[in-house]
Structures are given as structure tokens and as C-alpha cells.
N, C-alpha and C. Protein backbone atom coordinates (compact mmCIF):
# COMPACT_ATOMS: atom_id res chain seq x y z
N MET A 1 122.79 21.64 29.57
CA MET A 1 122.04 22.75 30.75
C MET A 1 122.22 24.03 30.96
N LYS A 2 121.62 24.72 31.75
CA LYS A 2 121.13 26.01 31.92
C LYS A 2 122.63 26.65 32.82
N LEU A 3 123.07 28.06 32.30
CA LEU A 3 124.28 28.19 32.82
C LEU A 3 124.57 28.96 34.23
N SER A 4 122.87 29.24 34.81
CA SER A 4 122.66 28.94 36.19
C SER A 4 123.22 28.32 36.91
N ILE A 5 122.36 27.24 36.53
CA ILE A 5 123.80 26.15 37.62
C ILE A 5 125.05 26.03 37.75
N TRP A 6 125.76 25.72 36.43
CA TRP A 6 127.13 26.27 37.02
C TRP A 6 127.49 27.83 37.45
N LEU A 7 127.19 28.67 37.14
CA LEU A 7 127.32 29.95 38.01
C LEU A 7 128.38 30.12 39.07
N PRO A 8 127.17 29.15 40.57
CA PRO A 8 127.90 29.23 41.82
C PRO A 8 129.12 28.49 42.11
N ALA A 9 129.05 27.15 41.47
CA ALA A 9 130.08 26.37 40.75
C ALA A 9 131.78 27.11 40.45
N LEU A 10 130.52 27.86 39.68
CA LEU A 10 132.09 28.73 38.99
C LEU A 10 132.76 30.26 40.18
N ALA A 11 132.18 30.41 40.52
CA ALA A 11 132.25 31.41 41.81
C ALA A 11 133.38 31.00 42.81
N LEU A 12 133.04 29.64 43.01
CA LEU A 12 133.81 29.06 44.22
C LEU A 12 135.47 28.91 43.43
N PHE A 13 135.36 28.16 42.25
CA PHE A 13 136.51 27.86 41.53
C PHE A 13 137.63 28.84 41.53
N ALA A 14 136.96 30.54 41.37
CA ALA A 14 137.18 31.55 40.24
C ALA A 14 138.12 32.13 41.76
N ALA A 15 137.96 32.05 43.14
CA ALA A 15 139.02 32.33 44.08
C ALA A 15 139.51 31.43 44.39
N CYS A 16 139.71 29.97 44.09
CA CYS A 16 140.64 29.41 43.78
C CYS A 16 142.07 29.22 43.65
N ASP A 17 142.75 29.97 42.95
CA ASP A 17 143.92 30.50 41.96
C ASP A 17 145.28 30.07 42.82
N GLY A 18 145.14 29.47 44.16
CA GLY A 18 146.91 28.92 44.45
C GLY A 18 145.99 28.14 45.73
N PRO A 19 147.17 27.67 47.27
CA PRO A 19 147.07 27.08 47.96
C PRO A 19 146.69 28.65 49.32
N ILE A 20 145.85 28.02 49.88
CA ILE A 20 145.38 29.14 51.04
C ILE A 20 146.67 29.55 52.35
N VAL A 21 146.99 30.35 52.65
CA VAL A 21 148.10 29.83 53.43
C VAL A 21 147.72 31.11 54.49
N ALA A 22 148.34 30.20 55.66
CA ALA A 22 147.58 31.76 57.02
C ALA A 22 149.20 32.59 57.57
N GLN A 23 148.39 33.97 57.26
CA GLN A 23 149.87 35.21 57.09
C GLN A 23 149.80 36.24 58.27
N ALA A 24 150.74 36.59 58.85
CA ALA A 24 150.84 37.03 60.00
C ALA A 24 149.87 38.66 59.62
N PRO A 25 149.19 39.02 60.74
CA PRO A 25 148.51 39.79 60.31
C PRO A 25 150.01 41.18 60.06
N THR A 26 149.39 42.41 59.33
CA THR A 26 150.24 43.23 59.13
C THR A 26 150.97 44.26 60.38
N GLU A 27 151.17 45.64 60.72
CA GLU A 27 151.86 46.48 61.84
C GLU A 27 150.04 46.99 62.20
N ALA A 28 149.77 47.83 60.51
CA ALA A 28 147.98 48.35 60.20
C ALA A 28 146.54 47.31 61.50
N GLN A 29 146.74 46.43 61.54
CA GLN A 29 145.80 45.53 62.03
C GLN A 29 146.01 44.12 63.63
N GLN A 30 147.23 44.76 63.46
CA GLN A 30 147.95 43.79 64.97
C GLN A 30 146.84 45.15 66.10
N PRO A 31 146.50 45.18 67.11
CA PRO A 31 145.76 45.91 68.20
C PRO A 31 146.65 46.61 68.59
N ARG A 32 146.72 47.81 68.88
CA ARG A 32 147.49 48.64 69.36
C ARG A 32 147.41 48.26 71.35
N PRO A 33 148.77 48.72 72.03
CA PRO A 33 148.41 48.24 73.24
C PRO A 33 146.91 49.61 73.84
N GLU A 34 146.17 49.01 74.82
CA GLU A 34 145.61 50.12 75.25
C GLU A 34 145.94 51.26 76.31
N PHE A 35 147.06 50.53 77.18
CA PHE A 35 147.66 51.11 78.35
C PHE A 35 149.53 51.40 77.66
N VAL A 36 150.24 51.86 77.94
CA VAL A 36 151.35 52.25 77.66
C VAL A 36 152.32 53.10 78.56
N HIS A 37 153.62 51.63 78.92
CA HIS A 37 153.73 52.16 80.31
C HIS A 37 155.08 52.28 79.80
N LYS A 38 155.63 54.11 81.07
CA LYS A 38 156.20 54.97 79.87
C LYS A 38 157.28 55.50 81.87
N ALA A 39 158.94 55.45 81.50
CA ALA A 39 159.61 55.77 83.19
C ALA A 39 159.37 57.69 83.35
N VAL A 40 158.87 58.33 84.20
CA VAL A 40 158.56 59.88 84.49
C VAL A 40 159.97 60.01 85.21
N VAL A 41 160.56 61.28 84.61
CA VAL A 41 160.98 61.53 85.56
C VAL A 41 161.07 63.32 85.99
N THR A 42 161.26 63.10 87.40
CA THR A 42 160.77 64.15 87.90
C THR A 42 161.75 64.76 89.41
N HIS A 43 161.61 65.34 90.14
CA HIS A 43 162.38 66.28 90.66
C HIS A 43 162.83 65.38 91.64
N ASN A 44 161.96 64.10 92.11
CA ASN A 44 161.94 62.89 93.59
C ASN A 44 162.62 61.66 92.40
N GLY A 45 162.80 61.63 91.08
CA GLY A 45 163.64 60.78 91.18
C GLY A 45 162.73 60.13 89.75
N VAL A 46 162.85 59.37 89.29
CA VAL A 46 162.56 58.24 88.63
C VAL A 46 161.21 57.08 89.31
N SER A 47 159.81 57.39 88.26
CA SER A 47 159.33 56.50 88.69
C SER A 47 158.53 55.51 87.22
N LYS A 48 157.68 54.22 87.45
CA LYS A 48 157.02 53.87 86.04
C LYS A 48 155.94 54.36 86.18
N GLN A 49 155.06 54.81 85.23
CA GLN A 49 153.51 55.28 85.29
C GLN A 49 152.58 54.13 83.88
N LYS A 50 151.98 54.44 84.01
CA LYS A 50 151.05 53.53 82.94
C LYS A 50 150.38 54.93 82.12
N PHE A 51 150.21 55.15 81.38
CA PHE A 51 148.99 56.06 80.51
C PHE A 51 148.20 55.07 79.63
N LEU A 52 147.47 55.87 79.32
CA LEU A 52 146.30 55.08 78.16
C LEU A 52 146.81 55.85 77.37
N ASN A 53 146.65 54.41 76.36
CA ASN A 53 147.54 55.28 74.55
C ASN A 53 146.43 56.55 73.57
N ASN A 54 147.16 57.22 73.60
CA ASN A 54 146.50 57.95 73.44
C ASN A 54 146.10 58.24 71.90
N TYR A 55 146.31 57.26 70.63
CA TYR A 55 145.98 57.23 69.73
C TYR A 55 144.63 57.15 69.61
N GLN A 56 144.11 56.22 70.68
CA GLN A 56 142.16 56.08 70.61
C GLN A 56 141.46 57.32 71.40
N LEU A 57 142.06 58.12 72.17
CA LEU A 57 141.94 59.16 72.29
C LEU A 57 141.41 60.20 71.25
N TYR A 58 142.53 60.51 69.83
CA TYR A 58 142.23 61.11 69.11
C TYR A 58 141.55 59.75 67.96
N GLN A 59 141.71 59.39 67.71
CA GLN A 59 140.78 58.14 66.60
C GLN A 59 139.44 58.27 67.41
N GLU A 60 138.82 58.61 68.61
CA GLU A 60 137.68 59.00 68.49
C GLU A 60 137.07 60.37 68.76
N GLY A 61 138.41 61.11 68.70
CA GLY A 61 137.96 62.42 68.15
C GLY A 61 137.59 63.48 70.24
N TRP A 62 138.14 62.31 71.14
CA TRP A 62 138.15 63.21 72.44
C TRP A 62 138.85 64.22 72.27
N ASP A 63 139.69 64.55 71.96
CA ASP A 63 140.12 65.79 71.66
C ASP A 63 139.53 66.70 71.16
N THR A 64 138.88 66.33 70.54
CA THR A 64 137.65 67.54 70.27
C THR A 64 136.48 68.01 70.59
N LEU A 65 136.29 67.69 72.11
CA LEU A 65 135.25 67.85 72.86
C LEU A 65 135.39 69.30 73.62
N ALA A 66 134.84 69.65 73.77
CA ALA A 66 134.21 71.29 74.74
C ALA A 66 135.51 71.01 76.05
N GLN A 67 135.09 70.31 76.99
CA GLN A 67 135.87 70.36 78.14
C GLN A 67 137.03 69.86 77.89
N ALA A 68 137.58 69.41 76.94
CA ALA A 68 139.07 68.70 76.88
C ALA A 68 139.58 70.24 75.93
N ARG A 69 138.78 70.92 75.02
CA ARG A 69 139.80 71.82 74.60
C ARG A 69 139.29 72.83 75.44
N PHE A 70 138.51 73.32 76.24
CA PHE A 70 138.92 73.90 77.50
C PHE A 70 139.71 74.07 78.53
N TRP A 71 140.30 72.48 79.28
CA TRP A 71 141.40 72.12 79.79
C TRP A 71 142.81 72.61 78.73
N GLN A 72 142.17 72.68 77.79
CA GLN A 72 143.62 72.64 76.39
C GLN A 72 143.89 74.57 76.53
N ASP A 73 143.29 74.68 76.49
CA ASP A 73 143.14 76.26 76.63
C ASP A 73 143.97 76.71 78.17
N VAL A 74 143.21 76.13 79.18
CA VAL A 74 143.63 76.58 80.21
C VAL A 74 144.85 76.40 80.32
N ILE A 75 145.63 74.87 80.07
CA ILE A 75 147.10 74.73 80.60
C ILE A 75 147.88 75.56 79.71
N ASP A 76 147.30 76.22 78.37
CA ASP A 76 148.47 77.18 77.46
C ASP A 76 148.70 78.41 77.20
N LEU A 77 147.20 78.61 78.38
CA LEU A 77 147.38 80.27 78.89
C LEU A 77 148.79 81.16 80.20
N SER A 78 149.42 81.94 80.03
CA SER A 78 150.31 82.45 80.10
C SER A 78 149.68 82.93 82.19
N HIS A 79 150.74 83.08 82.74
CA HIS A 79 150.34 82.61 84.40
C HIS A 79 149.21 84.23 84.20
N ASP A 80 149.51 85.49 83.85
CA ASP A 80 148.47 86.24 83.97
C ASP A 80 147.79 86.95 83.03
N SER A 81 146.75 85.64 82.71
CA SER A 81 145.69 84.94 82.45
C SER A 81 144.50 84.27 82.72
N MET A 82 143.56 85.10 82.71
CA MET A 82 142.36 83.52 83.44
C MET A 82 141.34 83.91 82.13
N ILE A 83 140.90 82.44 81.58
CA ILE A 83 139.00 82.32 81.21
C ILE A 83 138.07 82.91 82.00
N VAL A 84 137.38 83.10 81.55
CA VAL A 84 135.67 83.94 82.34
C VAL A 84 135.56 82.79 81.46
N ASN A 85 134.35 81.83 82.31
CA ASN A 85 133.68 80.57 81.20
C ASN A 85 132.59 80.09 81.83
N VAL A 86 131.83 79.72 81.38
CA VAL A 86 129.59 79.60 81.89
C VAL A 86 130.45 77.81 82.35
N ALA A 87 129.79 77.82 84.18
CA ALA A 87 130.16 76.95 84.86
C ALA A 87 130.19 75.21 84.11
N SER A 88 128.40 75.06 84.22
CA SER A 88 128.52 73.76 83.88
C SER A 88 128.94 72.70 82.45
N ILE A 89 129.14 73.86 81.59
CA ILE A 89 129.89 73.63 80.33
C ILE A 89 131.16 74.07 79.62
N ARG A 90 132.17 74.79 80.92
CA ARG A 90 133.34 75.22 80.59
C ARG A 90 133.47 75.88 79.76
N LYS A 91 132.49 76.37 78.59
CA LYS A 91 132.43 77.07 77.32
C LYS A 91 133.22 78.86 77.81
N PRO A 92 134.04 78.45 77.21
CA PRO A 92 135.18 80.06 77.59
C PRO A 92 134.31 81.23 77.10
N LEU A 93 134.22 82.36 78.05
CA LEU A 93 133.28 83.62 77.20
C LEU A 93 134.46 85.14 76.64
N LEU A 94 135.75 84.61 77.97
CA LEU A 94 136.47 85.70 77.86
C LEU A 94 137.93 85.56 78.42
N LYS A 95 138.41 85.64 78.06
CA LYS A 95 140.07 85.59 78.47
C LYS A 95 140.15 87.23 78.67
N VAL A 96 140.93 87.54 80.22
CA VAL A 96 141.07 88.64 81.08
C VAL A 96 142.41 88.15 81.45
N ALA A 97 142.83 89.95 81.38
CA ALA A 97 144.51 89.69 82.57
C ALA A 97 144.25 89.21 84.10
N THR A 98 144.92 88.20 84.70
CA THR A 98 144.49 88.73 86.35
C THR A 98 144.32 89.33 87.24
N SER A 99 146.09 90.59 86.38
CA SER A 99 145.90 91.72 87.80
C SER A 99 144.90 93.06 87.22
N GLN A 100 143.71 92.67 86.43
CA GLN A 100 142.59 93.55 86.13
C GLN A 100 142.09 92.80 86.60
N TRP A 101 141.06 91.26 86.73
CA TRP A 101 139.99 91.03 87.85
C TRP A 101 140.65 91.12 88.67
N HIS A 102 141.50 90.84 89.40
CA HIS A 102 141.37 91.06 90.67
C HIS A 102 141.78 92.71 91.24
N CYS A 103 141.30 93.17 90.18
CA CYS A 103 141.28 94.36 90.70
C CYS A 103 139.58 95.03 90.53
N LEU A 104 138.65 94.54 90.88
CA LEU A 104 137.72 95.16 90.98
C LEU A 104 137.06 94.30 92.06
N THR A 105 135.68 95.04 92.02
CA THR A 105 135.41 94.90 93.39
C THR A 105 133.84 93.36 93.20
N GLU A 106 134.03 93.04 93.85
CA GLU A 106 133.36 91.77 94.46
C GLU A 106 131.50 92.40 93.31
N THR A 107 131.11 93.43 93.80
CA THR A 107 129.81 94.06 92.79
C THR A 107 130.23 94.30 91.29
N GLU A 108 131.13 94.98 91.04
CA GLU A 108 132.48 95.47 89.90
C GLU A 108 132.13 93.55 88.63
N LYS A 109 132.73 92.68 89.80
CA LYS A 109 132.37 91.48 88.62
C LYS A 109 131.01 90.52 88.95
N ASN A 110 130.45 90.69 89.34
CA ASN A 110 128.67 90.73 89.81
C ASN A 110 128.18 91.07 88.30
N SER A 111 128.38 92.24 88.30
CA SER A 111 127.99 93.43 86.85
C SER A 111 128.22 92.71 85.47
N TYR A 112 129.40 92.06 85.44
CA TYR A 112 130.36 92.22 83.96
C TYR A 112 129.77 90.64 83.95
N LYS A 113 129.78 89.85 84.85
CA LYS A 113 129.19 88.43 84.45
C LYS A 113 127.63 88.16 84.04
N GLN A 114 127.04 89.98 84.41
CA GLN A 114 125.40 89.58 83.68
C GLN A 114 126.01 89.68 82.52
N ASN A 115 126.39 91.33 82.47
CA ASN A 115 127.19 91.75 81.18
C ASN A 115 127.08 90.90 79.66
N LEU A 116 128.02 89.97 80.59
CA LEU A 116 128.32 88.32 79.37
C LEU A 116 127.04 87.87 79.57
N CYS A 117 126.72 86.89 80.07
CA CYS A 117 125.79 86.72 80.10
C CYS A 117 124.35 87.56 79.45
N ILE A 118 123.98 88.64 78.83
CA ILE A 118 123.22 89.29 78.10
C ILE A 118 123.47 89.13 76.60
N TYR A 119 124.94 90.12 76.88
CA TYR A 119 125.57 89.90 75.67
C TYR A 119 125.78 88.90 74.34
N ASN A 120 125.76 87.36 75.74
CA ASN A 120 125.87 85.77 74.99
C ASN A 120 124.25 84.77 74.40
N SER A 121 123.15 86.09 75.23
CA SER A 121 122.19 85.40 75.54
C SER A 121 121.91 84.32 75.72
N MET A 122 122.30 84.70 77.09
CA MET A 122 122.02 83.26 78.25
C MET A 122 121.82 83.84 79.32
N ASP A 123 120.02 82.79 79.72
CA ASP A 123 119.47 83.09 81.02
C ASP A 123 120.35 84.28 82.59
N GLU A 124 119.85 85.11 83.14
CA GLU A 124 120.93 85.64 83.91
C GLU A 124 120.83 85.22 85.36
N ASN A 125 120.73 83.80 85.40
CA ASN A 125 121.00 83.16 86.16
C ASN A 125 122.49 82.18 86.35
N THR A 126 122.58 82.00 84.85
CA THR A 126 123.89 81.00 84.81
C THR A 126 125.23 81.29 85.45
N ASN A 127 126.01 79.76 85.59
CA ASN A 127 126.65 80.34 86.65
C ASN A 127 127.68 80.82 85.42
N ILE A 128 128.12 81.87 86.17
CA ILE A 128 129.33 82.43 85.02
C ILE A 128 131.34 82.35 86.37
N LEU A 129 132.25 81.14 85.99
CA LEU A 129 133.24 80.62 86.81
C LEU A 129 134.06 82.04 86.21
N SER A 130 135.57 82.12 87.44
CA SER A 130 136.25 82.86 86.36
C SER A 130 137.33 81.82 87.58
N PRO A 131 138.34 80.87 86.71
CA PRO A 131 139.15 80.13 86.94
C PRO A 131 139.37 80.73 89.17
N ALA A 132 140.00 82.69 89.13
CA ALA A 132 139.87 82.78 90.21
C ALA A 132 139.13 82.03 91.86
N GLU A 133 137.93 81.87 91.22
CA GLU A 133 136.63 81.12 91.88
C GLU A 133 136.62 79.95 92.36
N ARG A 134 137.75 79.51 91.62
CA ARG A 134 137.91 77.98 92.21
C ARG A 134 138.19 77.28 93.15
N SER A 135 138.29 76.14 93.76
CA SER A 135 138.76 76.24 94.98
C SER A 135 139.71 75.14 95.13
N PHE A 136 140.93 75.28 94.07
CA PHE A 136 141.77 74.27 93.90
C PHE A 136 142.63 75.06 92.28
N SER A 137 143.66 75.20 92.83
CA SER A 137 144.46 76.02 91.80
C SER A 137 145.44 75.07 90.66
N LEU A 138 145.45 75.46 89.70
CA LEU A 138 145.78 74.49 88.39
C LEU A 138 147.48 75.23 88.15
N ASN A 139 148.68 74.37 88.84
CA ASN A 139 149.77 74.68 88.07
C ASN A 139 150.79 73.65 87.42
N ILE A 140 151.18 73.86 86.68
CA ILE A 140 151.97 73.26 85.40
C ILE A 140 153.45 74.17 85.10
N ARG A 141 154.00 73.76 85.74
CA ARG A 141 155.01 74.48 84.68
C ARG A 141 156.12 73.57 83.76
N LYS A 142 156.73 74.83 82.79
CA LYS A 142 156.76 73.41 81.86
C LYS A 142 158.67 73.65 81.67
N CYS A 143 158.88 72.25 82.26
CA CYS A 143 160.16 72.19 81.93
C CYS A 143 161.55 72.52 81.39
N TYR A 144 160.90 73.00 79.58
CA TYR A 144 162.35 73.01 79.17
C TYR A 144 161.97 74.89 79.27
N HIS A 145 163.30 74.87 79.38
CA HIS A 145 163.15 76.61 79.25
C HIS A 145 163.83 77.33 78.23
């Protein structure tokens, strides 16, 4: 007999070295929950909140996107600083002291923004935004002093 006839049969039997038993998936193989329920303590009391499971955001690299990095920078800013940025993509151009920015006239601010466009090789009509021009304020207080 030819060896080529027996090879498929040998391959089948080679994997059968014992009985096949169902096994529970390991902890790493089990799917993680999409949402996590946590108790949140505030000055008004305690409430139960539902959060998206963070591992998914980090696993898929969402934390490295420009928008996410920008808002991380905004949250990390001290109260006396601001980020001048390209409005459409939230690209940070400059961190500036809030008190210095507020001392500038509108004409000086516009001139400053035009110079930023020139320096960064951007179209002069690029919308440059400073946080003071936002219609809302972001106030994050650290609970631990």
C-alpha cells in the first residue's frame, strides 16, 4: 500500500491521545462585561452609575486619538492656564497663562492667532480657539487635597 493513503488516517489518530472533555474557559478567555456598575459618592449622596468598561477603550487605542489626548490635557491643566488650539481637530498649538490672554485686546488676540497660523503653515482662515471663547466652561475639581 502507498503511504499517501495512510497519512490522513494517521493524522486523525495522532490527535486522539485521550478522551475529549469539555473545559470551562479560563478567565482570560471569558468575555468581559461591556458595562460596569459602580457606586458614585458626591456631595449630594451616593448613586449607582453605569460606565463603559475601560479595557475596551485602551485595547482598541481610543485613548491615543487626538480628541481624547486633547481633553486629557485640558483636564490636567491648572486653573490659571489655557490651551490655544485648532478648533476643528482640537490640535493644541500653545499653552498660555489665562491672565496674560485676558489682558490682550481682541485685535491683539486676532493678530496672535494669525501669527500662529503662519508659524504652523496653516490657512489664515483656520479657526483658532482659546477656551475662554467657548460657550461653556469645564470645571473639574479634585476631591483629594
